[in-house]
Amino acid sequence: LPAWIAVPISLRELLFLACLVWCDLNRESVSEQLVQWHADYARYRRAKKLNHRAKDLQTRMRTKGLWGKLKLMRSEYMRTMHESAVLATLTGGGQHEEAEG
């Protein structure tokens, strides 16, 4: 039997294996980083959505009269209130209310 059997392994595969081993040895750091990336991406998506909504609202306001502008502002305010209530519930702000009830 030959002492060395040639197995085709690329440098990319070796780097990938090294990364997997490092991630396995540093699970806590990897977990914290993934949570941070997820939170950053969620904040980015929310900011992008709010920016798009503000531009859309500005465009719609141009075509409305006074009463239409008031109705648009009220609906946007109600939507914002609902979103902040949902966000507070998701981030744990609603736990305090549940404990009281």
N, C-alpha and C. Protein backbone atom coordinates (compact mmCIF):
# COMPACT_ATOMS: atom_id res chain seq x y z
N LEU A 1 0.83 -1.19 0.00
CA LEU A 1 0.00 0.00 0.00
C LEU A 1 0.87 1.25 0.00
N PRO A 2 0.48 2.23 -0.78
CA PRO A 2 1.28 3.47 -0.80
C PRO A 2 1.10 4.25 0.49
N ALA A 3 2.16 4.90 0.90
CA ALA A 3 2.11 5.69 2.14
C ALA A 3 1.28 6.96 1.95
N TRP A 4 1.21 7.46 0.75
CA TRP A 4 0.47 8.69 0.50
C TRP A 4 -0.51 8.47 -0.64
N ILE A 5 -1.77 8.70 -0.36
CA ILE A 5 -2.80 8.60 -1.40
C ILE A 5 -3.22 10.03 -1.72
N ALA A 6 -3.10 10.41 -2.96
CA ALA A 6 -3.44 11.77 -3.37
C ALA A 6 -4.95 11.97 -3.32
N VAL A 7 -5.37 12.94 -2.52
CA VAL A 7 -6.79 13.30 -2.44
C VAL A 7 -6.88 14.76 -2.88
N PRO A 8 -7.64 15.02 -3.91
CA PRO A 8 -7.71 16.41 -4.39
C PRO A 8 -8.51 17.30 -3.42
N ILE A 9 -7.81 18.17 -2.71
CA ILE A 9 -8.44 19.12 -1.79
C ILE A 9 -7.98 20.51 -2.19
N SER A 10 -8.93 21.37 -2.39
CA SER A 10 -8.57 22.73 -2.81
C SER A 10 -8.28 23.60 -1.60
N LEU A 11 -7.63 24.71 -1.86
CA LEU A 11 -7.33 25.67 -0.80
C LEU A 11 -8.62 26.23 -0.21
N ARG A 12 -9.62 26.42 -1.05
CA ARG A 12 -10.91 26.92 -0.59
C ARG A 12 -11.54 25.96 0.43
N GLU A 13 -11.44 24.68 0.16
CA GLU A 13 -11.99 23.68 1.09
C GLU A 13 -11.24 23.70 2.42
N LEU A 14 -9.91 23.87 2.36
CA LEU A 14 -9.13 23.94 3.59
C LEU A 14 -9.50 25.18 4.42
N LEU A 15 -9.66 26.31 3.73
CA LEU A 15 -10.07 27.53 4.44
C LEU A 15 -11.46 27.38 5.05
N PHE A 16 -12.36 26.78 4.32
CA PHE A 16 -13.72 26.55 4.82
C PHE A 16 -13.69 25.65 6.05
N LEU A 17 -12.88 24.61 6.00
CA LEU A 17 -12.75 23.70 7.15
C LEU A 17 -12.16 24.43 8.35
N ALA A 18 -11.15 25.27 8.11
CA ALA A 18 -10.56 26.04 9.20
C ALA A 18 -11.58 26.99 9.82
N CYS A 19 -12.40 27.58 8.98
CA CYS A 19 -13.45 28.48 9.49
C CYS A 19 -14.46 27.70 10.33
N LEU A 20 -14.85 26.54 9.87
CA LEU A 20 -15.79 25.72 10.63
C LEU A 20 -15.21 25.32 11.99
N VAL A 21 -13.95 24.94 11.99
CA VAL A 21 -13.30 24.56 13.25
C VAL A 21 -13.24 25.75 14.19
N TRP A 22 -12.87 26.94 13.65
CA TRP A 22 -12.81 28.14 14.49
C TRP A 22 -14.19 28.48 15.06
N CYS A 23 -15.22 28.38 14.22
CA CYS A 23 -16.59 28.66 14.69
C CYS A 23 -17.01 27.67 15.77
N ASP A 24 -16.62 26.42 15.61
CA ASP A 24 -16.97 25.41 16.61
C ASP A 24 -16.26 25.69 17.93
N LEU A 25 -15.03 26.16 17.87
CA LEU A 25 -14.27 26.44 19.09
C LEU A 25 -14.70 27.76 19.75
N ASN A 26 -15.32 28.65 18.99
CA ASN A 26 -15.73 29.96 19.52
C ASN A 26 -17.24 30.17 19.34
N ARG A 27 -18.01 29.24 19.82
CA ARG A 27 -19.47 29.29 19.60
C ARG A 27 -20.12 30.53 20.19
N GLU A 28 -19.67 30.95 21.37
CA GLU A 28 -20.27 32.12 22.03
C GLU A 28 -20.09 33.38 21.19
N SER A 29 -18.88 33.59 20.70
CA SER A 29 -18.60 34.77 19.86
C SER A 29 -19.40 34.73 18.58
N VAL A 30 -19.49 33.58 17.96
CA VAL A 30 -20.24 33.43 16.71
C VAL A 30 -21.71 33.72 16.96
N SER A 31 -22.24 33.20 18.05
CA SER A 31 -23.65 33.41 18.37
C SER A 31 -23.94 34.89 18.59
N GLU A 32 -23.07 35.56 19.35
CA GLU A 32 -23.26 37.00 19.59
C GLU A 32 -23.19 37.79 18.30
N GLN A 33 -22.27 37.42 17.42
CA GLN A 33 -22.12 38.14 16.16
C GLN A 33 -23.34 37.94 15.27
N LEU A 34 -23.86 36.72 15.22
CA LEU A 34 -25.06 36.47 14.42
C LEU A 34 -26.25 37.27 14.93
N VAL A 35 -26.40 37.34 16.25
CA VAL A 35 -27.48 38.13 16.83
C VAL A 35 -27.31 39.60 16.46
N GLN A 36 -26.08 40.09 16.53
CA GLN A 36 -25.81 41.50 16.19
C GLN A 36 -26.11 41.77 14.72
N TRP A 37 -25.69 40.88 13.83
CA TRP A 37 -25.96 41.06 12.41
C TRP A 37 -27.46 41.07 12.14
N HIS A 38 -28.17 40.17 12.80
CA HIS A 38 -29.62 40.10 12.60
C HIS A 38 -30.28 41.40 13.06
N ALA A 39 -29.87 41.92 14.22
CA ALA A 39 -30.44 43.17 14.73
C ALA A 39 -30.10 44.34 13.80
N ASP A 40 -28.86 44.38 13.32
CA ASP A 40 -28.46 45.45 12.39
C ASP A 40 -29.29 45.41 11.12
N TYR A 41 -29.50 44.21 10.58
CA TYR A 41 -30.27 44.07 9.35
C TYR A 41 -31.73 44.45 9.57
N ALA A 42 -32.28 44.09 10.74
CA ALA A 42 -33.66 44.45 11.05
C ALA A 42 -33.80 45.98 11.15
N ARG A 43 -32.82 46.63 11.79
CA ARG A 43 -32.86 48.10 11.88
C ARG A 43 -32.73 48.74 10.50
N TYR A 44 -31.87 48.17 9.66
CA TYR A 44 -31.69 48.68 8.29
C TYR A 44 -32.99 48.57 7.51
N ARG A 45 -33.63 47.39 7.59
CA ARG A 45 -34.89 47.19 6.86
C ARG A 45 -35.97 48.15 7.35
N ARG A 46 -36.02 48.36 8.68
CA ARG A 46 -37.03 49.27 9.23
C ARG A 46 -36.77 50.71 8.76
N ALA A 47 -35.52 51.15 8.80
CA ALA A 47 -35.19 52.50 8.35
C ALA A 47 -35.50 52.68 6.87
N LYS A 48 -35.18 51.67 6.08
CA LYS A 48 -35.45 51.73 4.64
C LYS A 48 -36.95 51.81 4.38
N LYS A 49 -37.72 51.03 5.13
CA LYS A 49 -39.17 51.03 4.98
C LYS A 49 -39.77 52.38 5.39
N LEU A 50 -39.28 52.94 6.50
CA LEU A 50 -39.78 54.23 6.95
C LEU A 50 -39.43 55.34 5.96
N ASN A 51 -38.24 55.28 5.39
CA ASN A 51 -37.83 56.26 4.39
C ASN A 51 -38.72 56.18 3.15
N HIS A 52 -38.98 54.96 2.71
CA HIS A 52 -39.86 54.77 1.56
C HIS A 52 -41.26 55.28 1.86
N ARG A 53 -41.75 54.98 3.06
CA ARG A 53 -43.09 55.42 3.45
C ARG A 53 -43.17 56.95 3.53
N ALA A 54 -42.12 57.59 4.03
CA ALA A 54 -42.11 59.06 4.12
C ALA A 54 -42.15 59.68 2.72
N LYS A 55 -41.38 59.11 1.79
CA LYS A 55 -41.40 59.63 0.42
C LYS A 55 -42.76 59.43 -0.22
N ASP A 56 -43.35 58.26 0.01
CA ASP A 56 -44.67 57.96 -0.53
C ASP A 56 -45.72 58.91 0.05
N LEU A 57 -45.64 59.15 1.35
CA LEU A 57 -46.59 60.05 2.00
C LEU A 57 -46.44 61.47 1.45
N GLN A 58 -45.22 61.90 1.25
CA GLN A 58 -44.97 63.23 0.70
C GLN A 58 -45.58 63.36 -0.69
N THR A 59 -45.44 62.33 -1.51
CA THR A 59 -46.01 62.34 -2.85
C THR A 59 -47.54 62.39 -2.78
N ARG A 60 -48.13 61.60 -1.90
CA ARG A 60 -49.59 61.57 -1.78
C ARG A 60 -50.14 62.86 -1.21
N MET A 61 -49.37 63.54 -0.36
CA MET A 61 -49.84 64.78 0.25
C MET A 61 -49.99 65.89 -0.79
N ARG A 62 -49.15 65.86 -1.82
CA ARG A 62 -49.19 66.92 -2.83
C ARG A 62 -50.53 66.97 -3.56
N THR A 63 -51.17 65.81 -3.72
CA THR A 63 -52.39 65.74 -4.51
C THR A 63 -53.66 65.92 -3.67
N LYS A 64 -53.53 66.01 -2.36
CA LYS A 64 -54.70 66.08 -1.49
C LYS A 64 -55.02 67.51 -1.09
N GLY A 65 -56.27 67.70 -0.73
CA GLY A 65 -56.68 68.96 -0.14
C GLY A 65 -56.42 68.92 1.35
N LEU A 66 -56.92 69.91 2.08
CA LEU A 66 -56.67 70.00 3.51
C LEU A 66 -57.24 68.81 4.26
N TRP A 67 -58.50 68.44 3.97
CA TRP A 67 -59.13 67.33 4.67
C TRP A 67 -58.41 66.01 4.35
N GLY A 68 -58.02 65.83 3.11
CA GLY A 68 -57.30 64.63 2.72
C GLY A 68 -55.95 64.54 3.42
N LYS A 69 -55.27 65.68 3.57
CA LYS A 69 -53.99 65.69 4.27
C LYS A 69 -54.16 65.33 5.74
N LEU A 70 -55.22 65.84 6.35
CA LEU A 70 -55.49 65.50 7.75
C LEU A 70 -55.77 64.01 7.92
N LYS A 71 -56.55 63.44 7.01
CA LYS A 71 -56.84 62.01 7.09
C LYS A 71 -55.58 61.17 6.88
N LEU A 72 -54.74 61.59 5.93
CA LEU A 72 -53.49 60.88 5.70
C LEU A 72 -52.59 60.93 6.93
N MET A 73 -52.49 62.10 7.54
CA MET A 73 -51.64 62.24 8.72
C MET A 73 -52.17 61.39 9.87
N ARG A 74 -53.49 61.35 10.04
CA ARG A 74 -54.08 60.52 11.11
C ARG A 74 -53.80 59.04 10.86
N SER A 75 -53.99 58.58 9.63
CA SER A 75 -53.75 57.16 9.35
C SER A 75 -52.28 56.81 9.53
N GLU A 76 -51.39 57.71 9.15
CA GLU A 76 -49.96 57.45 9.33
C GLU A 76 -49.61 57.43 10.82
N TYR A 77 -50.22 58.32 11.59
CA TYR A 77 -49.98 58.34 13.04
C TYR A 77 -50.46 57.04 13.67
N MET A 78 -51.65 56.57 13.28
CA MET A 78 -52.19 55.32 13.84
C MET A 78 -51.30 54.13 13.46
N ARG A 79 -50.81 54.13 12.24
CA ARG A 79 -49.92 53.05 11.81
C ARG A 79 -48.63 53.05 12.62
N THR A 80 -48.09 54.24 12.84
CA THR A 80 -46.86 54.36 13.63
C THR A 80 -47.08 53.89 15.06
N MET A 81 -48.21 54.27 15.64
CA MET A 81 -48.53 53.83 17.02
C MET A 81 -48.64 52.30 17.08
N HIS A 82 -49.32 51.72 16.11
CA HIS A 82 -49.47 50.27 16.08
C HIS A 82 -48.12 49.58 15.93
N GLU A 83 -47.28 50.08 15.03
CA GLU A 83 -45.97 49.47 14.84
C GLU A 83 -45.11 49.57 16.09
N SER A 84 -45.15 50.71 16.76
CA SER A 84 -44.33 50.84 17.97
C SER A 84 -44.84 49.93 19.08
N ALA A 85 -46.18 49.72 19.15
CA ALA A 85 -46.73 48.79 20.14
C ALA A 85 -46.30 47.37 19.84
N VAL A 86 -46.33 46.98 18.57
CA VAL A 86 -45.91 45.64 18.17
C VAL A 86 -44.42 45.46 18.44
N LEU A 87 -43.64 46.48 18.12
CA LEU A 87 -42.20 46.42 18.35
C LEU A 87 -41.88 46.29 19.84
N ALA A 88 -42.62 47.02 20.67
CA ALA A 88 -42.41 46.93 22.11
C ALA A 88 -42.74 45.53 22.63
N THR A 89 -43.78 44.92 22.06
CA THR A 89 -44.14 43.56 22.46
C THR A 89 -43.06 42.57 22.04
N LEU A 90 -42.52 42.74 20.83
CA LEU A 90 -41.50 41.82 20.33
C LEU A 90 -40.19 41.94 21.09
N THR A 91 -39.84 43.16 21.50
CA THR A 91 -38.56 43.36 22.18
C THR A 91 -38.65 43.16 23.68
N GLY A 92 -39.84 42.80 24.17
CA GLY A 92 -39.96 42.50 25.60
C GLY A 92 -40.56 43.63 26.40
N GLY A 93 -40.94 44.72 25.75
CA GLY A 93 -41.56 45.82 26.47
C GLY A 93 -42.94 45.45 26.99
N GLY A 94 -43.59 44.48 26.36
CA GLY A 94 -44.93 44.08 26.77
C GLY A 94 -44.94 43.12 27.93
N GLN A 95 -43.79 42.62 28.37
CA GLN A 95 -43.73 41.66 29.48
C GLN A 95 -44.16 42.30 30.77
N HIS A 96 -43.85 43.59 30.94
CA HIS A 96 -44.19 44.28 32.16
C HIS A 96 -45.71 44.39 32.30
N GLU A 97 -46.40 44.66 31.18
CA GLU A 97 -47.85 44.76 31.21
C GLU A 97 -48.48 43.41 31.51
N GLU A 98 -47.93 42.33 30.96
CA GLU A 98 -48.49 41.02 31.18
C GLU A 98 -48.32 40.60 32.64
N ALA A 99 -47.21 41.00 33.26
CA ALA A 99 -46.97 40.62 34.65
C ALA A 99 -47.97 41.30 35.58
N GLU A 100 -48.41 42.52 35.22
CA GLU A 100 -49.36 43.22 36.07
C GLU A 100 -50.74 42.59 35.98
N GLY A 101 -51.14 42.11 34.79
CA GLY A 101 -52.48 41.61 34.54
C GLY A 101 -52.65 40.23 35.01
